[in-house]
Amino acid sequence: MTVSISKPAQPGPSPLASGNELPVAQAQSAMAAALTLVVDSETVTLPQALGRVLHQDLISPINVPAHDNSAMDGYAFAGASLQPGVETVLQALPHTVFAGAPYLGAVPAGHCLRIMTGAVMPAGLDTVVPIELCRVNDNTVSVAADVLKSGENRRKAGEDLAQGSAALAAGHWLRPADLGLAASLGFAQLTVRRRLRVALFSTGDELRSPGEPLEPGCIYDSNRFSLLGALARLGVVVTDLGLVPDNEAALQAAFNTAVDQCDAVITSGGVSMGDADYTRQMLAQMGDVAFWKVAMRPGRPFAFGTLRSARGNTATLFALPGNPVAALVTFYALAQPALRLMAGAAPQPQPVLRARSVAAIRKRPGRTEYQRGRVTQGEDGQWHVALTGAQGAGILRSMSQANALVVLGHDQGSVAAGDAVEVWLFDGLV
């Protein structure tokens, strides 16, 4: 089932209309409070659910494990047979219990059964001695004194997940392990939020698409392709509107198309502080957009708000700076967390690693800085990070060479060599 996204008829006034620089945390909070979330859902197969947002709690229909079972290869017996301080000798029955083939017979007191990992524990047995901790001689199994306690090496029914409990919570961003978990509970399909629809375009008369001739004074558009890659990792549906000239008619047409088709609009260049007045005027006419300066480097100019098309549809605007590194940094720090929330995902803190700075880093308090760095493990076993050369907002090569962002907080000053700093890794296991 697919329905349209829930959108407010009239967006309220933005708390960000001031021209003052907002600390990053305040900008993030204000954005989160103003977002409109996707509420519609659809049912998809497990392979299709990867990277989607779970719409409702996934309730387990069974106990996991379904039965008491052996956690080891060994011999199962009743723990009451153990004699403290002395060797315990058990009589072995001529049978081996395998996973998927329960033993239904009775096991007399003082007897044991050979059992494999995952096999259902026979009735009356609650303990498993691993093969390496016992001595087998013909039909007897001897357990040395005090090598295990009654009840050890038995996994109880439902100890991993009890029937009727939530295996996964609504808002969970589904990862490979989650698909396996759902399959282990017997689910072939999952109900997930509809994919967020995002429109993307770059603005600038000097921009050319790769493959086109490059006239004097022009540059190739790199931002759109960096952002397309970043959006692909979020699993959103992207409408690529290409390059849009710096004129009011073209921009207004692009915004109208984007708002009519998508939930969010991401631009780079052309709508930041100091750009042509008509751009501000046009956006003010189209919706409730706040132009503000975020106390961050790179990425100080940034615009966010709600746009309305000529047809009355609305979408959320994220206007990123035009410099390549600034565009990516503001995407990671501001737009990406907001897009995840819009998609219905539960809020998650940014995973952080602490690493020691190889060299001193100059920094003044009063803004958050995102420096490009490369994290390595030193001979001392500690994580270390070194900046990848010049940190100018237009030097994309240093971003490509990096594997992390070094994040220096709003109130933080300069860093000395050897100081621990916060880093955000670009890649991780999910």
Protein backbone atom coordinates (compact mmCIF):
# COMPACT_ATOMS: atom_id res chain seq x y z
CA MET A 1 0.00 0.00 0.00
CA THR A 2 1.37 3.41 -0.99
CA VAL A 3 -0.11 6.79 -0.05
CA SER A 4 1.22 10.31 -0.24
CA ILE A 5 3.53 11.69 2.43
CA SER A 6 1.93 13.58 5.28
CA LYS A 7 2.74 17.27 4.85
CA PRO A 8 1.60 20.32 6.79
CA ALA A 9 -0.71 22.64 4.88
CA GLN A 10 1.08 25.77 6.08
CA PRO A 11 4.62 25.51 7.46
CA GLY A 12 5.21 27.48 10.62
CA PRO A 13 7.74 30.25 11.01
CA SER A 14 11.34 29.12 11.03
CA PRO A 15 13.41 29.61 14.20
CA LEU A 16 16.43 30.08 11.94
CA ALA A 17 15.58 33.34 10.22
CA SER A 18 18.27 35.20 12.11
CA GLY A 19 21.48 35.98 10.27
CA ASN A 20 23.56 34.94 13.28
CA GLU A 21 25.79 31.89 13.07
CA LEU A 22 24.12 28.89 14.68
CA PRO A 23 26.20 26.23 16.43
CA VAL A 24 25.95 22.93 14.56
CA ALA A 25 24.03 21.23 17.37
CA GLN A 26 21.39 23.98 17.38
CA ALA A 27 21.03 23.83 13.61
CA GLN A 28 20.58 20.06 13.76
CA SER A 29 17.96 20.32 16.51
CA ALA A 30 16.00 23.04 14.70
CA MET A 31 16.02 21.02 11.48
CA ALA A 32 14.86 17.85 13.23
CA ALA A 33 11.95 19.73 14.80
CA ALA A 34 10.80 21.06 11.41
CA LEU A 35 10.99 17.85 9.34
CA THR A 36 8.01 16.07 7.82
CA LEU A 37 8.35 12.28 7.97
CA VAL A 38 7.36 9.62 5.48
CA VAL A 39 4.38 7.76 6.95
CA ASP A 40 3.27 5.46 4.12
CA SER A 41 4.52 1.91 3.85
CA GLU A 42 4.81 -1.09 1.57
CA THR A 43 5.50 -4.80 1.96
CA VAL A 44 8.63 -6.18 0.30
CA THR A 45 10.56 -9.45 0.21
CA LEU A 46 13.53 -9.92 2.53
CA PRO A 47 16.18 -9.25 -0.15
CA GLN A 48 14.35 -6.04 -1.09
CA ALA A 49 14.24 -4.89 2.56
CA LEU A 50 17.99 -4.24 2.88
CA GLY A 51 18.59 -0.58 3.65
CA ARG A 52 14.91 0.12 4.23
CA VAL A 53 13.29 1.43 7.41
CA LEU A 54 11.07 -0.98 9.35
CA HIS A 55 7.53 0.41 9.57
CA GLN A 56 6.35 -1.39 12.71
CA ASP A 57 7.80 -3.56 15.46
CA LEU A 58 8.72 -7.03 14.23
CA ILE A 59 7.10 -9.37 16.78
CA SER A 60 8.58 -12.82 17.13
CA PRO A 61 6.00 -15.58 16.54
CA ILE A 62 8.25 -18.20 18.12
CA ASN A 63 10.76 -18.71 20.90
CA VAL A 64 14.41 -18.46 19.82
CA PRO A 65 15.74 -21.01 20.34
CA ALA A 66 12.51 -22.97 20.04
CA HIS A 67 13.70 -25.69 22.46
CA ASP A 68 16.33 -26.19 25.11
CA ASN A 69 19.38 -27.28 23.11
CA SER A 70 23.03 -28.10 23.43
CA ALA A 71 25.59 -25.31 23.14
CA MET A 72 28.44 -27.78 22.63
CA ASP A 73 29.40 -31.11 21.10
CA GLY A 74 29.62 -33.46 24.08
CA TYR A 75 27.50 -35.61 26.39
CA ALA A 76 24.13 -34.57 27.83
CA PHE A 77 23.05 -35.71 31.29
CA ALA A 78 21.11 -34.61 34.36
CA GLY A 79 23.18 -32.15 36.37
CA ALA A 80 21.97 -33.75 39.60
CA SER A 81 24.37 -36.63 38.83
CA LEU A 82 27.42 -34.42 39.44
CA GLN A 83 29.26 -35.19 42.67
CA PRO A 84 31.14 -32.17 44.10
CA GLY A 85 34.83 -32.81 44.68
CA VAL A 86 34.92 -36.24 43.05
CA GLU A 87 34.90 -37.67 39.56
CA THR A 88 31.45 -38.42 38.12
CA VAL A 89 31.10 -41.60 36.04
CA LEU A 90 28.12 -41.88 33.67
CA GLN A 91 26.84 -44.74 31.57
CA ALA A 92 26.58 -43.79 27.89
CA LEU A 93 23.54 -44.91 25.91
CA PRO A 94 24.29 -46.15 22.37
CA HIS A 95 22.78 -43.13 20.60
CA THR A 96 23.87 -39.73 19.29
CA VAL A 97 21.45 -36.80 19.24
CA PHE A 98 21.78 -34.58 16.17
CA ALA A 99 20.28 -31.17 15.45
CA GLY A 100 16.90 -31.61 13.80
CA ALA A 101 16.42 -35.15 15.12
CA PRO A 102 15.18 -35.03 18.75
CA TYR A 103 15.66 -38.06 21.01
CA LEU A 104 12.27 -39.08 22.37
CA GLY A 105 13.32 -41.95 24.64
CA ALA A 106 13.87 -41.88 28.40
CA VAL A 107 17.36 -41.43 29.88
CA PRO A 108 17.76 -43.23 33.24
CA ALA A 109 19.51 -41.52 36.13
CA GLY A 110 23.29 -41.81 35.96
CA HIS A 111 23.23 -42.17 32.15
CA CYS A 112 24.16 -39.79 29.34
CA LEU A 113 23.77 -39.34 25.60
CA ARG A 114 26.26 -38.13 23.04
CA ILE A 115 24.85 -34.84 21.63
CA MET A 116 25.80 -32.38 18.91
CA THR A 117 25.64 -28.57 19.02
CA GLY A 118 22.12 -27.30 18.41
CA ALA A 119 20.42 -30.62 19.12
CA VAL A 120 17.31 -30.58 21.31
CA MET A 121 18.05 -31.53 24.91
CA PRO A 122 16.31 -34.84 25.73
CA ALA A 123 13.69 -34.76 28.47
CA GLY A 124 15.17 -34.72 31.97
CA LEU A 125 18.68 -33.64 30.84
CA ASP A 126 19.99 -30.17 31.58
CA THR A 127 23.79 -30.26 31.37
CA VAL A 128 26.34 -30.92 28.62
CA VAL A 129 29.97 -31.79 29.24
CA PRO A 130 32.18 -30.90 26.25
CA ILE A 131 34.05 -33.78 24.67
CA GLU A 132 37.41 -32.24 25.61
CA LEU A 133 36.46 -32.13 29.32
CA CYS A 134 35.58 -35.79 29.75
CA ARG A 135 37.17 -39.21 29.36
CA VAL A 136 35.33 -41.84 27.31
CA ASN A 137 36.06 -45.51 27.93
CA ASP A 138 33.84 -48.09 26.19
CA ASN A 139 30.35 -47.31 27.53
CA THR A 140 31.35 -44.95 30.34
CA VAL A 141 31.96 -41.20 30.39
CA SER A 142 34.04 -39.84 33.26
CA VAL A 143 33.74 -36.16 34.22
CA ALA A 144 36.60 -34.82 36.34
CA ALA A 145 35.78 -33.12 39.62
CA ASP A 146 34.51 -29.54 39.47
CA VAL A 147 35.10 -28.93 35.71
CA LEU A 148 31.51 -27.75 35.18
CA LYS A 149 28.32 -27.00 37.05
CA SER A 150 24.79 -28.32 36.69
CA GLY A 151 22.97 -26.59 33.80
CA GLU A 152 26.09 -25.53 31.89
CA ASN A 153 26.29 -25.60 28.10
CA ARG A 154 22.51 -25.69 27.70
CA ARG A 155 20.72 -22.96 25.78
CA LYS A 156 17.22 -22.47 27.11
CA ALA A 157 14.17 -22.04 24.91
CA GLY A 158 13.46 -18.35 24.31
CA GLU A 159 16.66 -17.12 25.96
CA ASP A 160 17.64 -15.26 22.78
CA LEU A 161 14.15 -14.05 21.93
CA ALA A 162 10.86 -14.86 23.65
CA GLN A 163 7.70 -15.47 21.67
CA GLY A 164 5.65 -12.25 21.49
CA SER A 165 8.60 -9.91 22.09
CA ALA A 166 9.92 -7.35 19.60
CA ALA A 167 12.78 -8.73 17.56
CA LEU A 168 13.31 -5.37 15.81
CA ALA A 169 11.80 -1.99 16.66
CA ALA A 170 9.94 0.26 14.26
CA GLY A 171 12.30 2.78 12.72
CA HIS A 172 15.18 0.32 12.52
CA TRP A 173 17.37 0.75 9.44
CA LEU A 174 17.59 -2.81 8.16
CA ARG A 175 21.08 -4.32 7.82
CA PRO A 176 22.22 -7.72 6.50
CA ALA A 177 22.06 -9.34 9.97
CA ASP A 178 18.49 -8.09 10.38
CA LEU A 179 17.39 -9.93 7.24
CA GLY A 180 18.87 -13.11 8.67
CA LEU A 181 17.10 -12.52 11.98
CA ALA A 182 13.76 -12.00 10.21
CA ALA A 183 14.31 -15.17 8.19
CA SER A 184 15.12 -17.14 11.35
CA LEU A 185 11.69 -16.18 12.66
CA GLY A 186 9.96 -17.38 9.51
CA PHE A 187 9.27 -14.00 7.88
CA ALA A 188 9.49 -13.97 4.08
CA GLN A 189 8.35 -10.33 3.80
CA LEU A 190 8.65 -7.15 5.86
CA THR A 191 6.59 -3.97 6.00
CA VAL A 192 8.86 -0.97 5.50
CA ARG A 193 8.53 2.77 5.00
CA ARG A 194 8.29 4.01 1.45
CA ARG A 195 11.65 5.16 0.12
CA LEU A 196 12.31 8.85 0.57
CA ARG A 197 12.26 10.73 -2.75
CA VAL A 198 15.06 13.28 -3.17
CA ALA A 199 15.62 15.73 -6.03
CA LEU A 200 19.17 16.89 -6.71
CA PHE A 201 20.64 19.60 -8.91
CA SER A 202 23.65 21.88 -9.15
CA THR A 203 23.52 25.57 -10.00
CA GLY A 204 26.12 27.74 -11.66
CA ASP A 205 26.63 29.15 -15.14
CA GLU A 206 30.27 28.12 -14.95
CA LEU A 207 29.49 24.43 -14.50
CA ARG A 208 29.72 21.79 -17.21
CA SER A 209 28.87 18.10 -17.05
CA PRO A 210 31.72 15.60 -17.43
CA GLY A 211 32.19 14.74 -21.09
CA GLU A 212 31.27 18.21 -22.33
CA PRO A 213 33.83 20.67 -23.72
CA LEU A 214 35.31 22.89 -21.03
CA GLU A 215 35.32 26.56 -22.06
CA PRO A 216 37.69 29.09 -20.46
CA GLY A 217 36.54 29.98 -16.94
CA CYS A 218 34.32 26.91 -16.63
CA ILE A 219 34.69 23.87 -14.36
CA TYR A 220 33.24 20.39 -14.32
CA ASP A 221 30.39 19.74 -11.89
CA SER A 222 31.74 17.37 -9.22
CA ASN A 223 29.23 18.04 -6.44
CA ARG A 224 26.32 16.27 -8.08
CA PHE A 225 28.28 13.06 -8.48
CA SER A 226 29.65 13.10 -4.93
CA LEU A 227 26.14 13.67 -3.63
CA LEU A 228 24.63 11.01 -5.89
CA GLY A 229 27.06 8.53 -4.34
CA ALA A 230 26.26 9.66 -0.81
CA LEU A 231 22.51 9.44 -1.46
CA ALA A 232 22.86 5.96 -2.97
CA ARG A 233 24.18 4.75 0.37
CA LEU A 234 21.03 6.04 2.06
CA GLY A 235 18.80 3.97 -0.21
CA VAL A 236 16.66 6.93 -1.28
CA VAL A 237 15.07 7.39 -4.71
CA VAL A 238 16.95 10.18 -6.47
CA THR A 239 15.66 12.43 -9.24
CA ASP A 240 18.74 13.96 -10.88
CA LEU A 241 17.77 17.30 -12.43
CA GLY A 242 21.30 17.97 -13.63
CA LEU A 243 22.68 21.49 -14.03
CA VAL A 244 20.43 24.52 -13.62
CA PRO A 245 21.51 27.96 -14.93
CA ASP A 246 21.79 30.94 -12.60
CA ASN A 247 18.62 32.69 -13.64
CA GLU A 248 15.29 33.10 -11.90
CA ALA A 249 13.12 31.37 -14.50
CA ALA A 250 15.31 28.27 -14.72
CA LEU A 251 15.67 28.00 -10.95
CA GLN A 252 11.97 28.44 -10.33
CA ALA A 253 11.12 25.79 -12.93
CA ALA A 254 13.62 23.36 -11.38
CA PHE A 255 12.30 23.95 -7.87
CA ASN A 256 8.69 23.49 -8.99
CA THR A 257 9.55 20.20 -10.71
CA ALA A 258 11.54 19.00 -7.70
CA VAL A 259 8.86 19.89 -5.16
CA ASP A 260 6.08 18.28 -7.22
CA GLN A 261 8.00 15.00 -7.51
CA CYS A 262 9.96 14.62 -4.28
CA ASP A 263 9.97 14.91 -0.50
CA ALA A 264 13.31 16.70 -0.27
CA VAL A 265 15.34 18.93 -2.58
CA ILE A 266 19.14 19.15 -2.38
CA THR A 267 21.02 21.84 -4.27
CA SER A 268 24.66 22.87 -4.30
CA GLY A 269 25.72 26.41 -5.06
CA GLY A 270 23.66 29.41 -5.99
CA VAL A 271 21.48 29.77 -2.89
CA SER A 272 24.00 30.58 -0.18
CA MET A 273 24.66 33.85 1.61
CA GLY A 274 25.88 36.57 -0.74
CA ASP A 275 24.32 35.16 -3.93
CA ALA A 276 22.04 37.13 -6.21
CA ASP A 277 19.11 38.84 -4.46
CA TYR A 278 16.58 37.33 -6.86
CA THR A 279 17.46 33.87 -5.58
CA ARG A 280 16.50 34.83 -2.05
CA GLN A 281 13.40 36.62 -3.24
CA MET A 282 12.32 33.66 -5.34
CA LEU A 283 12.79 31.19 -2.49
CA ALA A 284 10.98 33.51 -0.09
CA GLN A 285 8.05 33.53 -2.52
CA MET A 286 8.08 29.73 -2.81
CA GLY A 287 8.08 28.92 0.87
CA ASP A 288 9.38 29.36 4.38
CA VAL A 289 13.12 29.20 3.84
CA ALA A 290 15.64 30.49 6.38
CA PHE A 291 19.03 31.57 5.13
CA TRP A 292 21.45 31.28 7.96
CA LYS A 293 25.09 30.84 8.68
CA VAL A 294 26.18 27.75 10.60
CA ALA A 295 29.21 28.08 12.83
CA MET A 296 31.20 25.42 11.01
CA ARG A 297 34.16 25.10 8.69
CA PRO A 298 33.90 24.27 5.89
CA GLY A 299 30.23 24.86 5.06
CA ARG A 300 29.31 28.11 6.77
CA PRO A 301 26.53 29.06 4.29
CA PHE A 302 23.57 26.68 4.33
CA ALA A 303 19.83 27.07 3.70
CA PHE A 304 17.01 24.91 5.01
CA GLY A 305 13.25 25.19 4.96
CA THR A 306 9.99 24.21 3.29
CA LEU A 307 9.22 24.99 -0.36
CA ARG A 308 5.79 25.14 -1.98
CA SER A 309 5.32 24.56 -5.69
CA ALA A 310 2.85 26.35 -7.93
CA ARG A 311 0.60 23.28 -7.55
CA GLY A 312 0.62 23.54 -3.76
CA ASN A 313 2.92 20.60 -3.03
CA THR A 314 5.64 20.97 -0.40
CA ALA A 315 9.13 19.60 0.07
CA THR A 316 12.08 20.19 2.39
CA LEU A 317 15.02 22.16 1.03
CA PHE A 318 18.67 21.53 1.83
CA ALA A 319 20.79 24.10 -0.01
CA LEU A 320 24.46 23.17 0.25
CA PRO A 321 27.48 25.39 -0.49
CA GLY A 322 29.08 25.24 -3.90
CA ASN A 323 32.63 24.35 -2.83
CA PRO A 324 33.08 20.57 -3.29
CA VAL A 325 34.34 19.72 0.20
CA ALA A 326 31.90 22.10 1.88
CA ALA A 327 29.02 20.46 -0.02
CA LEU A 328 30.00 16.99 1.20
CA VAL A 329 30.74 18.07 4.77
CA THR A 330 27.39 19.85 5.14
CA PHE A 331 25.68 16.83 3.65
CA TYR A 332 27.26 14.49 6.22
CA ALA A 333 26.86 16.82 9.20
CA LEU A 334 23.44 18.36 8.45
CA ALA A 335 21.51 16.90 5.51
CA GLN A 336 22.19 13.18 5.96
CA PRO A 337 20.93 12.91 9.58
CA ALA A 338 17.83 14.89 8.59
CA LEU A 339 17.15 12.67 5.57
CA ARG A 340 17.38 9.57 7.75
CA LEU A 341 14.82 11.06 10.12
CA MET A 342 12.55 11.99 7.21
CA ALA A 343 12.75 8.38 6.00
CA GLY A 344 11.32 7.28 9.36
CA ALA A 345 14.51 5.97 10.93
CA ALA A 346 14.89 6.21 14.70
CA PRO A 347 17.45 8.85 15.78
CA GLN A 348 20.92 7.40 16.11
CA PRO A 349 24.06 9.08 17.44
CA GLN A 350 26.96 9.42 15.03
CA PRO A 351 29.50 6.63 15.74
CA VAL A 352 32.70 8.23 16.97
CA LEU A 353 36.26 6.98 17.21
CA ARG A 354 38.94 8.59 19.35
CA ALA A 355 42.35 8.82 17.72
CA ARG A 356 45.58 10.62 18.56
CA SER A 357 46.50 13.49 16.26
CA VAL A 358 49.86 12.96 14.59
CA ALA A 359 50.49 16.70 14.38
CA ALA A 360 49.26 19.93 15.93
CA ILE A 361 46.02 21.38 14.48
CA ARG A 362 45.19 25.07 14.74
CA LYS A 363 41.59 25.79 15.76
CA ARG A 364 39.75 28.74 17.27
CA PRO A 365 36.75 28.24 19.60
CA GLY A 366 33.33 29.31 18.38
CA ARG A 367 32.77 26.96 15.46
CA THR A 368 32.84 23.25 14.66
CA GLU A 369 35.57 22.23 12.23
CA TYR A 370 35.57 19.15 10.03
CA GLN A 371 39.09 18.37 8.82
CA ARG A 372 39.97 15.61 6.40
CA GLY A 373 42.15 12.91 7.93
CA ARG A 374 43.47 9.42 7.50
CA VAL A 375 43.17 7.04 10.45
CA THR A 376 45.77 4.29 10.91
CA GLN A 377 46.76 1.95 13.72
CA GLY A 378 50.20 2.61 15.13
CA GLU A 379 52.78 0.16 16.40
CA ASP A 380 51.55 0.97 19.90
CA GLY A 381 48.14 -0.50 18.97
CA GLN A 382 46.48 2.91 19.27
CA TRP A 383 44.52 4.72 16.56
CA HIS A 384 46.27 7.74 15.06
CA VAL A 385 45.03 10.33 12.59
CA ALA A 386 46.92 12.63 10.23
CA LEU A 387 45.38 15.39 8.13
CA THR A 388 45.45 14.85 4.38
CA GLY A 389 47.22 18.03 3.39
CA ALA A 390 45.65 21.40 2.63
CA GLN A 391 42.14 21.77 4.04
CA GLY A 392 40.64 24.32 1.64
CA ALA A 393 36.91 23.91 0.93
CA GLY A 394 37.56 23.42 -2.78
CA ILE A 395 40.30 20.77 -2.51
CA LEU A 396 38.35 17.59 -3.20
CA ARG A 397 41.45 15.43 -3.66
CA SER A 398 42.23 15.67 0.06
CA MET A 399 38.69 14.40 0.77
CA SER A 400 39.26 11.46 -1.57
CA GLN A 401 42.53 10.60 0.18
CA ALA A 402 40.89 10.70 3.61
CA ASN A 403 39.08 7.85 5.35
CA ALA A 404 37.60 10.01 8.11
CA LEU A 405 36.64 13.48 9.22
CA VAL A 406 38.42 14.94 12.24
CA VAL A 407 35.69 16.76 14.17
CA LEU A 408 36.82 19.61 16.40
CA GLY A 409 33.96 20.77 18.61
CA HIS A 410 32.39 24.22 18.85
CA ASP A 411 34.16 25.22 22.07
CA GLN A 412 37.40 23.38 21.34
CA GLY A 413 40.70 25.18 20.75
CA SER A 414 43.90 24.13 19.05
CA VAL A 415 45.10 20.54 19.26
CA ALA A 416 48.64 19.53 20.20
CA ALA A 417 50.41 16.59 18.64
CA GLY A 418 49.44 13.46 20.57
CA ASP A 419 46.09 14.83 21.75
CA ALA A 420 43.04 12.60 21.29
CA VAL A 421 40.49 13.92 18.82
CA GLU A 422 37.06 12.78 17.63
CA VAL A 423 36.88 11.21 14.17
CA TRP A 424 34.01 10.06 11.96
CA LEU A 425 34.99 7.11 9.79
CA PHE A 426 33.65 7.24 6.24
CA ASP A 427 33.09 3.49 6.06
CA GLY A 428 32.14 0.79 8.53
CA LEU A 429 30.57 -2.63 8.84
CA VAL A 430 26.77 -2.43 8.92
